[in-house]
Amino acid sequence: MHVQLSRLMARPAAALALAAGLAGPGVAQVADLRSTAAFRVCADPANAPMSSQDGTGFENRLADYFGELLDLPVTYSWFPSGMGFITQTLRAGTCDVVMGYAQGDELVQNTNHYYTSVYGIVTRRDGPLTTVDQLNDPALKDADIGVVAGTPPATHLARAGLAKNMRGGDLFVDRRVEDPLGDMIEGIRSGEIDAAVLWGPLAGPRVKDDPDLQFTPLLKEEGGPKMFYRITMGVRLEEQEWKRQLNSLIRRNQEGINQILHDAGVPLVDDYGKQVLP
């Protein structure tokens, strides 16, 4: 685990000087890890519609936008998300920023959030569930509902008495070979299941222009866990200046960020869970 900056600051200055001297010239300093020649992004190569090795994900477009703001070319360090992702990418020094990182994870230092999104329900546009916008809606009583195991909506569905209706998909999979969310969406289209409750940035873009399916944000759920979450960029724990630079870019370019997300079909809400429209 990286040493927190607050712990470093608590050490006597003399001890810090001694440690620096003992480290010797062969040990890379934290400041040396971040490239000044490229905007180096750590990303999953098969996490569409977010990131994709072919560059079509909306996180790819956001990375391009930040690269333009920094006047730097964008390069990638690809690794499947899940166990070992941060160790093999950000901590290994092969890249300098993780796009689309949920706020609060101790593995990285979070920038300020650059968007907030919400879980929602995917249904057929012409079906009996088209008006559903709460999970306690009686219309869901006999519906087969897809949900990713371990995600917040599963708790809300159980509380609404719909545990028997849930058709689960795995949370951590290698998306190069498995796509449980895509399977659920195709299941709704084919009639195999009636609906799916999914994370907006993953589901919204997939059904944005679909003539048969719709995504409805779930903004009325009561009790925990919450259904909307702040999304940040992740940087190494010690890189305070890099975080401040990214925070400044986020603050000054929020309108441009929102436009990219809206164009992609990502449902946006404010910090209180109220929908942000294009």
C-alpha atoms as a PDB file:
ATOM      1  CA  MET A   1       0.000   0.000   0.000  1.00  0.00           C
ATOM      2  CA  HIS A   2       1.316   3.412  -0.875  1.00  0.00           C
ATOM      3  CA  VAL A   3       2.151   5.673   2.064  1.00  0.00           C
ATOM      4  CA  GLN A   4      -0.415   8.452   2.492  1.00  0.00           C
ATOM      5  CA  LEU A   5       0.867  12.008   2.105  1.00  0.00           C
ATOM      6  CA  SER A   6      -0.364  12.894   5.607  1.00  0.00           C
ATOM      7  CA  ARG A   7       1.892  10.228   7.104  1.00  0.00           C
ATOM      8  CA  LEU A   8       4.879  11.501   5.144  1.00  0.00           C
ATOM      9  CA  MET A   9       4.243  15.029   6.385  1.00  0.00           C
ATOM     10  CA  ALA A  10       4.153  13.778   9.966  1.00  0.00           C
ATOM     11  CA  ARG A  11       7.782  12.622   9.812  1.00  0.00           C
ATOM     12  CA  PRO A  12      10.551  14.958  11.025  1.00  0.00           C
ATOM     13  CA  ALA A  13      12.252  16.873   8.206  1.00  0.00           C
ATOM     14  CA  ALA A  14      15.617  15.344   9.078  1.00  0.00           C
ATOM     15  CA  ALA A  15      14.225  11.836   8.696  1.00  0.00           C
ATOM     16  CA  LEU A  16      12.781  12.709   5.320  1.00  0.00           C
ATOM     17  CA  ALA A  17      16.107  14.108   4.164  1.00  0.00           C
ATOM     18  CA  LEU A  18      17.899  10.976   5.357  1.00  0.00           C
ATOM     19  CA  ALA A  19      15.395   8.734   3.599  1.00  0.00           C
ATOM     20  CA  ALA A  20      15.820  10.677   0.370  1.00  0.00           C
ATOM     21  CA  GLY A  21      19.582  10.335   0.596  1.00  0.00           C
ATOM     22  CA  LEU A  22      19.448   6.615   1.298  1.00  0.00           C
ATOM     23  CA  ALA A  23      17.125   6.023  -1.639  1.00  0.00           C
ATOM     24  CA  GLY A  24      19.934   6.802  -4.066  1.00  0.00           C
ATOM     25  CA  PRO A  25      19.722   7.847  -7.705  1.00  0.00           C
ATOM     26  CA  GLY A  26      18.417   4.482  -8.887  1.00  0.00           C
ATOM     27  CA  VAL A  27      15.016   4.864  -7.158  1.00  0.00           C
ATOM     28  CA  ALA A  28      12.394   6.725  -9.221  1.00  0.00           C
ATOM     29  CA  GLN A  29      10.740   9.640  -7.468  1.00  0.00           C
ATOM     30  CA  VAL A  30       6.964   9.970  -7.547  1.00  0.00           C
ATOM     31  CA  ALA A  31       7.156  13.119  -9.664  1.00  0.00           C
ATOM     32  CA  ASP A  32       9.076  11.159 -12.311  1.00  0.00           C
ATOM     33  CA  LEU A  33       6.264   8.643 -12.856  1.00  0.00           C
ATOM     34  CA  ARG A  34       3.870  11.007 -14.618  1.00  0.00           C
ATOM     35  CA  SER A  35       4.635  11.606 -18.249  1.00  0.00           C
ATOM     36  CA  THR A  36       4.846  15.165 -19.527  1.00  0.00           C
ATOM     37  CA  ALA A  37       4.918  13.972 -23.144  1.00  0.00           C
ATOM     38  CA  ALA A  38       1.530  12.194 -23.263  1.00  0.00           C
ATOM     39  CA  PHE A  39      -1.814  11.892 -21.470  1.00  0.00           C
ATOM     40  CA  ARG A  40      -1.357   8.261 -20.449  1.00  0.00           C
ATOM     41  CA  VAL A  41      -4.642   6.504 -19.650  1.00  0.00           C
ATOM     42  CA  CYS A  42      -5.161   3.213 -17.807  1.00  0.00           C
ATOM     43  CA  ALA A  43      -8.204   1.440 -19.311  1.00  0.00           C
ATOM     44  CA  ASP A  44     -10.067  -1.802 -19.879  1.00  0.00           C
ATOM     45  CA  PRO A  45      -9.839  -2.742 -23.585  1.00  0.00           C
ATOM     46  CA  ALA A  46     -13.328  -4.312 -23.664  1.00  0.00           C
ATOM     47  CA  ASN A  47     -15.552  -2.270 -21.359  1.00  0.00           C
ATOM     48  CA  ALA A  48     -17.901  -0.860 -24.020  1.00  0.00           C
ATOM     49  CA  PRO A  49     -19.634   1.520 -24.102  1.00  0.00           C
ATOM     50  CA  MET A  50     -17.225   3.115 -21.604  1.00  0.00           C
ATOM     51  CA  SER A  51     -13.741   2.192 -22.810  1.00  0.00           C
ATOM     52  CA  SER A  52     -12.754   0.171 -25.840  1.00  0.00           C
ATOM     53  CA  GLN A  53      -9.446  -0.584 -27.538  1.00  0.00           C
ATOM     54  CA  ASP A  54     -10.927   0.568 -30.839  1.00  0.00           C
ATOM     55  CA  GLY A  55     -11.417   4.056 -29.347  1.00  0.00           C
ATOM     56  CA  THR A  56     -15.216   4.149 -29.622  1.00  0.00           C
ATOM     57  CA  GLY A  57     -16.069   4.340 -25.897  1.00  0.00           C
ATOM     58  CA  PHE A  58     -17.227   7.574 -24.326  1.00  0.00           C
ATOM     59  CA  GLU A  59     -14.302   7.411 -21.890  1.00  0.00           C
ATOM     60  CA  ASN A  60     -12.039   7.328 -24.952  1.00  0.00           C
ATOM     61  CA  ARG A  61     -13.716  10.501 -26.181  1.00  0.00           C
ATOM     62  CA  LEU A  62     -13.309  12.109 -22.767  1.00  0.00           C
ATOM     63  CA  ALA A  63      -9.639  11.119 -22.747  1.00  0.00           C
ATOM     64  CA  ASP A  64      -9.223  12.724 -26.182  1.00  0.00           C
ATOM     65  CA  TYR A  65     -10.890  15.882 -24.838  1.00  0.00           C
ATOM     66  CA  PHE A  66      -8.532  16.086 -21.868  1.00  0.00           C
ATOM     67  CA  GLY A  67      -5.591  15.372 -24.122  1.00  0.00           C
ATOM     68  CA  GLU A  68      -6.598  18.368 -26.244  1.00  0.00           C
ATOM     69  CA  LEU A  69      -6.961  20.560 -23.149  1.00  0.00           C
ATOM     70  CA  LEU A  70      -3.471  19.524 -22.040  1.00  0.00           C
ATOM     71  CA  ASP A  71      -2.087  19.716 -25.602  1.00  0.00           C
ATOM     72  CA  LEU A  72      -0.814  16.154 -25.248  1.00  0.00           C
ATOM     73  CA  PRO A  73      -1.326  12.990 -27.333  1.00  0.00           C
ATOM     74  CA  VAL A  74      -3.360  10.229 -25.660  1.00  0.00           C
ATOM     75  CA  THR A  75      -1.817   6.804 -25.076  1.00  0.00           C
ATOM     76  CA  TYR A  76      -3.212   3.748 -23.278  1.00  0.00           C
ATOM     77  CA  SER A  77      -2.126   1.004 -20.923  1.00  0.00           C
ATOM     78  CA  TRP A  78      -4.717  -1.758 -21.438  1.00  0.00           C
ATOM     79  CA  PHE A  79      -5.676  -4.281 -18.753  1.00  0.00           C
ATOM     80  CA  PRO A  80      -9.027  -5.957 -17.903  1.00  0.00           C
ATOM     81  CA  SER A  81     -10.830  -4.211 -15.036  1.00  0.00           C
ATOM     82  CA  GLY A  82     -11.113  -6.163 -11.795  1.00  0.00           C
ATOM     83  CA  MET A  83      -8.487  -7.793  -9.631  1.00  0.00           C
ATOM     84  CA  GLY A  84      -4.986  -6.469 -10.336  1.00  0.00           C
ATOM     85  CA  PHE A  85      -6.066  -3.615 -12.599  1.00  0.00           C
ATOM     86  CA  ILE A  86      -4.577  -0.764 -10.528  1.00  0.00           C
ATOM     87  CA  THR A  87      -1.456  -2.758  -9.628  1.00  0.00           C
ATOM     88  CA  GLN A  88      -0.707  -3.639 -13.236  1.00  0.00           C
ATOM     89  CA  THR A  89      -1.376  -0.173 -14.637  1.00  0.00           C
ATOM     90  CA  LEU A  90      -1.382   2.945 -12.455  1.00  0.00           C
ATOM     91  CA  ARG A  91       0.902   1.630  -9.714  1.00  0.00           C
ATOM     92  CA  ALA A  92       3.239   0.059 -12.246  1.00  0.00           C
ATOM     93  CA  GLY A  93       3.799   3.518 -13.728  1.00  0.00           C
ATOM     94  CA  THR A  94       2.677   2.563 -17.236  1.00  0.00           C
ATOM     95  CA  CYS A  95      -0.097   5.191 -17.191  1.00  0.00           C
ATOM     96  CA  ASP A  96      -1.083   8.215 -15.117  1.00  0.00           C
ATOM     97  CA  VAL A  97      -4.873   8.408 -14.889  1.00  0.00           C
ATOM     98  CA  VAL A  98      -7.834   6.050 -14.664  1.00  0.00           C
ATOM     99  CA  MET A  99     -10.970   7.454 -16.289  1.00  0.00           C
ATOM    100  CA  GLY A 100     -14.388   6.673 -14.816  1.00  0.00           C
ATOM    101  CA  TYR A 101     -13.355   5.751 -11.270  1.00  0.00           C
ATOM    102  CA  ALA A 102     -15.997   5.654  -8.516  1.00  0.00           C
ATOM    103  CA  GLN A 103     -15.377   8.114  -5.693  1.00  0.00           C
ATOM    104  CA  GLY A 104     -14.049   6.750  -2.420  1.00  0.00           C
ATOM    105  CA  ASP A 105     -11.809   3.826  -3.416  1.00  0.00           C
ATOM    106  CA  GLU A 106      -8.614   3.742  -1.341  1.00  0.00           C
ATOM    107  CA  LEU A 107      -6.529   2.194  -4.127  1.00  0.00           C
ATOM    108  CA  VAL A 108      -6.247   5.548  -5.875  1.00  0.00           C
ATOM    109  CA  GLN A 109      -6.470   9.238  -5.119  1.00  0.00           C
ATOM    110  CA  ASN A 110      -9.698  10.604  -6.554  1.00  0.00           C
ATOM    111  CA  THR A 111      -9.955  13.848  -8.443  1.00  0.00           C
ATOM    112  CA  ASN A 112     -13.101  15.913  -8.024  1.00  0.00           C
ATOM    113  CA  HIS A 113     -16.012  14.134  -9.663  1.00  0.00           C
ATOM    114  CA  TYR A 114     -16.652  15.085 -13.273  1.00  0.00           C
ATOM    115  CA  TYR A 115     -20.079  13.491 -13.501  1.00  0.00           C
ATOM    116  CA  THR A 116     -22.719  11.780 -11.397  1.00  0.00           C
ATOM    117  CA  SER A 117     -24.885   9.029 -12.851  1.00  0.00           C
ATOM    118  CA  VAL A 118     -27.674   6.747 -11.747  1.00  0.00           C
ATOM    119  CA  TYR A 119     -29.034   3.223 -12.004  1.00  0.00           C
ATOM    120  CA  GLY A 120     -32.132   2.780 -14.131  1.00  0.00           C
ATOM    121  CA  ILE A 121     -34.500   0.246 -15.617  1.00  0.00           C
ATOM    122  CA  VAL A 122     -34.341  -0.962 -19.214  1.00  0.00           C
ATOM    123  CA  THR A 123     -37.696  -1.989 -20.693  1.00  0.00           C
ATOM    124  CA  ARG A 124     -39.382  -2.340 -24.072  1.00  0.00           C
ATOM    125  CA  ARG A 125     -40.822   0.910 -25.402  1.00  0.00           C
ATOM    126  CA  ASP A 126     -44.076  -0.793 -26.387  1.00  0.00           C
ATOM    127  CA  GLY A 127     -44.407  -3.138 -23.399  1.00  0.00           C
ATOM    128  CA  PRO A 128     -46.488  -3.117 -20.194  1.00  0.00           C
ATOM    129  CA  LEU A 129     -43.540  -1.784 -18.113  1.00  0.00           C
ATOM    130  CA  THR A 130     -42.926   1.340 -20.171  1.00  0.00           C
ATOM    131  CA  THR A 131     -44.096   3.729 -17.403  1.00  0.00           C
ATOM    132  CA  VAL A 132     -42.249   2.036 -14.524  1.00  0.00           C
ATOM    133  CA  ASP A 133     -39.925   4.471 -12.697  1.00  0.00           C
ATOM    134  CA  GLN A 134     -39.854   2.871  -9.218  1.00  0.00           C
ATOM    135  CA  LEU A 135     -38.967  -0.666  -8.173  1.00  0.00           C
ATOM    136  CA  ASN A 136     -42.015  -0.976  -5.909  1.00  0.00           C
ATOM    137  CA  ASP A 137     -44.334  -0.488  -8.887  1.00  0.00           C
ATOM    138  CA  PRO A 138     -46.995  -3.250  -8.833  1.00  0.00           C
ATOM    139  CA  ALA A 139     -46.410  -3.775 -12.560  1.00  0.00           C
ATOM    140  CA  LEU A 140     -43.137  -5.544 -11.664  1.00  0.00           C
ATOM    141  CA  LYS A 141     -44.857  -8.134  -9.440  1.00  0.00           C
ATOM    142  CA  ASP A 142     -44.681 -10.940 -11.993  1.00  0.00           C
ATOM    143  CA  ALA A 143     -41.841  -9.630 -14.159  1.00  0.00           C
ATOM    144  CA  ASP A 144     -38.518 -11.375 -14.715  1.00  0.00           C
ATOM    145  CA  ILE A 145     -35.901  -8.729 -13.926  1.00  0.00           C
ATOM    146  CA  GLY A 146     -32.219  -8.840 -14.795  1.00  0.00           C
ATOM    147  CA  VAL A 147     -29.771  -7.360 -12.290  1.00  0.00           C
ATOM    148  CA  VAL A 148     -26.013  -7.605 -11.800  1.00  0.00           C
ATOM    149  CA  ALA A 149     -25.280  -9.492  -8.583  1.00  0.00           C
ATOM    150  CA  GLY A 150     -23.888  -7.387  -5.755  1.00  0.00           C
ATOM    151  CA  THR A 151     -25.029  -4.030  -7.152  1.00  0.00           C
ATOM    152  CA  PRO A 152     -27.262  -1.609  -5.179  1.00  0.00           C
ATOM    153  CA  PRO A 153     -30.455  -2.314  -7.164  1.00  0.00           C
ATOM    154  CA  ALA A 154     -30.417  -5.933  -5.966  1.00  0.00           C
ATOM    155  CA  THR A 155     -31.036  -4.690  -2.407  1.00  0.00           C
ATOM    156  CA  HIS A 156     -33.907  -2.452  -3.524  1.00  0.00           C
ATOM    157  CA  LEU A 157     -35.473  -5.284  -5.538  1.00  0.00           C
ATOM    158  CA  ALA A 158     -35.301  -7.610  -2.537  1.00  0.00           C
ATOM    159  CA  ARG A 159     -36.867  -4.947  -0.299  1.00  0.00           C
ATOM    160  CA  ALA A 160     -39.692  -4.580  -2.810  1.00  0.00           C
ATOM    161  CA  GLY A 161     -40.366  -8.313  -2.508  1.00  0.00           C
ATOM    162  CA  LEU A 162     -38.946  -9.106  -5.931  1.00  0.00           C
ATOM    163  CA  ALA A 163     -36.069 -11.402  -4.943  1.00  0.00           C
ATOM    164  CA  LYS A 164     -37.789 -14.342  -6.654  1.00  0.00           C
ATOM    165  CA  ASN A 165     -38.015 -12.309  -9.857  1.00  0.00           C
ATOM    166  CA  MET A 166     -34.317 -11.494 -10.133  1.00  0.00           C
ATOM    167  CA  ARG A 167     -32.196 -13.001 -12.899  1.00  0.00           C
ATOM    168  CA  GLY A 168     -28.612 -12.345 -11.868  1.00  0.00           C
ATOM    169  CA  GLY A 169     -25.494 -11.624 -13.862  1.00  0.00           C
ATOM    170  CA  ASP A 170     -21.898 -11.628 -12.619  1.00  0.00           C
ATOM    171  CA  LEU A 171     -20.270  -8.354 -11.548  1.00  0.00           C
ATOM    172  CA  PHE A 172     -16.626  -9.206 -12.269  1.00  0.00           C
ATOM    173  CA  VAL A 173     -16.051 -10.851 -15.629  1.00  0.00           C
ATOM    174  CA  ASP A 174     -13.501 -10.586 -18.404  1.00  0.00           C
ATOM    175  CA  ARG A 175     -15.532  -8.541 -20.861  1.00  0.00           C
ATOM    176  CA  ARG A 176     -13.330  -9.678 -23.715  1.00  0.00           C
ATOM    177  CA  VAL A 177     -15.146 -13.023 -23.542  1.00  0.00           C
ATOM    178  CA  GLU A 178     -18.319 -12.342 -21.487  1.00  0.00           C
ATOM    179  CA  ASP A 179     -20.923  -9.586 -21.586  1.00  0.00           C
ATOM    180  CA  PRO A 180     -23.649 -10.232 -18.977  1.00  0.00           C
ATOM    181  CA  LEU A 181     -25.108  -6.740 -19.342  1.00  0.00           C
ATOM    182  CA  GLY A 182     -25.358  -7.093 -23.106  1.00  0.00           C
ATOM    183  CA  ASP A 183     -26.945 -10.510 -22.642  1.00  0.00           C
ATOM    184  CA  MET A 184     -29.609  -8.970 -20.385  1.00  0.00           C
ATOM    185  CA  ILE A 185     -30.397  -6.243 -22.891  1.00  0.00           C
ATOM    186  CA  GLU A 186     -30.725  -8.817 -25.672  1.00  0.00           C
ATOM    187  CA  GLY A 187     -32.921 -10.864 -23.332  1.00  0.00           C
ATOM    188  CA  ILE A 188     -35.339  -7.935 -23.017  1.00  0.00           C
ATOM    189  CA  ARG A 189     -35.409  -7.508 -26.784  1.00  0.00           C
ATOM    190  CA  SER A 190     -36.152 -11.209 -27.329  1.00  0.00           C
ATOM    191  CA  GLY A 191     -38.705 -11.435 -24.522  1.00  0.00           C
ATOM    192  CA  GLU A 192     -36.608 -13.835 -22.431  1.00  0.00           C
ATOM    193  CA  ILE A 193     -36.783 -11.337 -19.540  1.00  0.00           C
ATOM    194  CA  ASP A 194     -39.073  -8.364 -19.017  1.00  0.00           C
ATOM    195  CA  ALA A 195     -36.663  -5.715 -17.702  1.00  0.00           C
ATOM    196  CA  ALA A 196     -33.182  -5.131 -16.298  1.00  0.00           C
ATOM    197  CA  VAL A 197     -31.973  -2.704 -13.631  1.00  0.00           C
ATOM    198  CA  LEU A 198     -28.534  -1.530 -14.698  1.00  0.00           C
ATOM    199  CA  TRP A 199     -25.875   1.148 -14.182  1.00  0.00           C
ATOM    200  CA  GLY A 200     -26.666   4.139 -16.383  1.00  0.00           C
ATOM    201  CA  PRO A 201     -23.247   4.670 -18.038  1.00  0.00           C
ATOM    202  CA  LEU A 202     -23.258   1.043 -19.175  1.00  0.00           C
ATOM    203  CA  ALA A 203     -26.905   0.747 -20.201  1.00  0.00           C
ATOM    204  CA  GLY A 204     -27.887   4.253 -21.321  1.00  0.00           C
ATOM    205  CA  PRO A 205     -25.536   4.450 -24.329  1.00  0.00           C
ATOM    206  CA  ARG A 206     -26.543   0.954 -25.477  1.00  0.00           C
ATOM    207  CA  VAL A 207     -30.228   1.818 -25.774  1.00  0.00           C
ATOM    208  CA  LYS A 208     -29.928   5.530 -26.629  1.00  0.00           C
ATOM    209  CA  ASP A 209     -30.879   5.076 -30.275  1.00  0.00           C
ATOM    210  CA  ASP A 210     -32.626   1.715 -29.947  1.00  0.00           C
ATOM    211  CA  PRO A 211     -36.126   1.810 -31.471  1.00  0.00           C
ATOM    212  CA  ASP A 212     -37.350  -1.016 -29.227  1.00  0.00           C
ATOM    213  CA  LEU A 213     -35.798  -0.343 -25.809  1.00  0.00           C
ATOM    214  CA  GLN A 214     -35.677   2.537 -23.330  1.00  0.00           C
ATOM    215  CA  PHE A 215     -33.699   3.445 -20.204  1.00  0.00           C
ATOM    216  CA  THR A 216     -35.580   5.117 -17.326  1.00  0.00           C
ATOM    217  CA  PRO A 217     -33.469   6.552 -14.448  1.00  0.00           C
ATOM    218  CA  LEU A 218     -34.574   5.363 -11.014  1.00  0.00           C
ATOM    219  CA  LEU A 219     -34.695   8.691  -9.178  1.00  0.00           C
ATOM    220  CA  LYS A 220     -37.445   7.923  -6.654  1.00  0.00           C
ATOM    221  CA  GLU A 221     -36.042   5.000  -4.670  1.00  0.00           C
ATOM    222  CA  GLU A 222     -36.138   5.430  -0.885  1.00  0.00           C
ATOM    223  CA  GLY A 223     -33.710   4.060   1.698  1.00  0.00           C
ATOM    224  CA  GLY A 224     -30.234   2.753   1.113  1.00  0.00           C
ATOM    225  CA  PRO A 225     -28.118   1.975  -0.730  1.00  0.00           C
ATOM    226  CA  LYS A 226     -28.234   5.069  -2.890  1.00  0.00           C
ATOM    227  CA  MET A 227     -28.770   4.662  -6.598  1.00  0.00           C
ATOM    228  CA  PHE A 228     -26.606   7.503  -7.910  1.00  0.00           C
ATOM    229  CA  TYR A 229     -22.826   7.824  -7.624  1.00  0.00           C
ATOM    230  CA  ARG A 230     -20.068  10.334  -8.311  1.00  0.00           C
ATOM    231  CA  ILE A 231     -17.470   9.402 -10.904  1.00  0.00           C
ATOM    232  CA  THR A 232     -13.904  10.734 -10.751  1.00  0.00           C
ATOM    233  CA  MET A 233     -10.522  10.105 -12.284  1.00  0.00           C
ATOM    234  CA  GLY A 234      -8.013   8.097 -10.293  1.00  0.00           C
ATOM    235  CA  VAL A 235      -4.370   9.113  -9.878  1.00  0.00           C
ATOM    236  CA  ARG A 236      -1.543   7.813  -7.710  1.00  0.00           C
ATOM    237  CA  LEU A 237      -1.919   8.573  -4.013  1.00  0.00           C
ATOM    238  CA  GLU A 238       1.094  10.867  -3.806  1.00  0.00           C
ATOM    239  CA  GLU A 239       0.490  12.975  -6.903  1.00  0.00           C
ATOM    240  CA  GLN A 240      -1.194  16.012  -5.419  1.00  0.00           C
ATOM    241  CA  GLU A 241      -0.132  18.459  -8.111  1.00  0.00           C
ATOM    242  CA  TRP A 242      -1.416  16.208 -10.884  1.00  0.00           C
ATOM    243  CA  LYS A 243      -4.748  15.899  -9.076  1.00  0.00           C
ATOM    244  CA  ARG A 244      -4.998  19.670  -8.717  1.00  0.00           C
ATOM    245  CA  GLN A 245      -4.255  20.151 -12.411  1.00  0.00           C
ATOM    246  CA  LEU A 246      -7.014  17.714 -13.404  1.00  0.00           C
ATOM    247  CA  ASN A 247      -9.420  19.302 -10.901  1.00  0.00           C
ATOM    248  CA  SER A 248      -8.820  22.659 -12.523  1.00  0.00           C
ATOM    249  CA  LEU A 249      -9.542  21.239 -15.977  1.00  0.00           C
ATOM    250  CA  ILE A 250     -12.741  19.607 -14.736  1.00  0.00           C
ATOM    251  CA  ARG A 251     -13.947  22.822 -13.100  1.00  0.00           C
ATOM    252  CA  ARG A 252     -13.246  24.969 -16.159  1.00  0.00           C
ATOM    253  CA  ASN A 253     -14.589  22.535 -18.752  1.00  0.00           C
ATOM    254  CA  GLN A 254     -17.645  20.925 -17.153  1.00  0.00           C
ATOM    255  CA  GLU A 255     -19.913  22.038 -19.985  1.00  0.00           C
ATOM    256  CA  GLY A 256     -17.755  20.288 -22.574  1.00  0.00           C
ATOM    257  CA  ILE A 257     -17.567  17.139 -20.417  1.00  0.00           C
ATOM    258  CA  ASN A 258     -21.343  17.073 -20.020  1.00  0.00           C
ATOM    259  CA  GLN A 259     -21.831  17.471 -23.760  1.00  0.00           C
ATOM    260  CA  ILE A 260     -19.719  14.392 -24.503  1.00  0.00           C
ATOM    261  CA  LEU A 261     -21.635  12.380 -21.903  1.00  0.00           C
ATOM    262  CA  HIS A 262     -25.045  13.554 -23.116  1.00  0.00           C
ATOM    263  CA  ASP A 263     -24.120  12.770 -26.728  1.00  0.00           C
ATOM    264  CA  ALA A 264     -23.127   9.250 -25.641  1.00  0.00           C
ATOM    265  CA  GLY A 265     -26.425   8.664 -23.837  1.00  0.00           C
ATOM    266  CA  VAL A 266     -25.045   8.647 -20.287  1.00  0.00           C
ATOM    267  CA  PRO A 267     -27.819   9.660 -17.833  1.00  0.00           C
ATOM    268  CA  LEU A 268     -26.580  12.513 -15.639  1.00  0.00           C
ATOM    269  CA  VAL A 269     -27.864  13.702 -12.263  1.00  0.00           C
ATOM    270  CA  ASP A 270     -26.707  16.426  -9.906  1.00  0.00           C
ATOM    271  CA  ASP A 271     -25.282  15.821  -6.436  1.00  0.00           C
ATOM    272  CA  TYR A 272     -28.815  15.502  -5.039  1.00  0.00           C
ATOM    273  CA  GLY A 273     -30.004  12.930  -7.547  1.00  0.00           C
ATOM    274  CA  LYS A 274     -31.977  15.311  -9.750  1.00  0.00           C
ATOM    275  CA  GLN A 275     -31.748  14.607 -13.480  1.00  0.00           C
ATOM    276  CA  VAL A 276     -29.492  16.882 -15.554  1.00  0.00           C
ATOM    277  CA  LEU A 277     -30.970  17.240 -19.020  1.00  0.00           C
ATOM    278  CA  PRO A 278     -29.049  18.109 -22.214  1.00  0.00           C
END
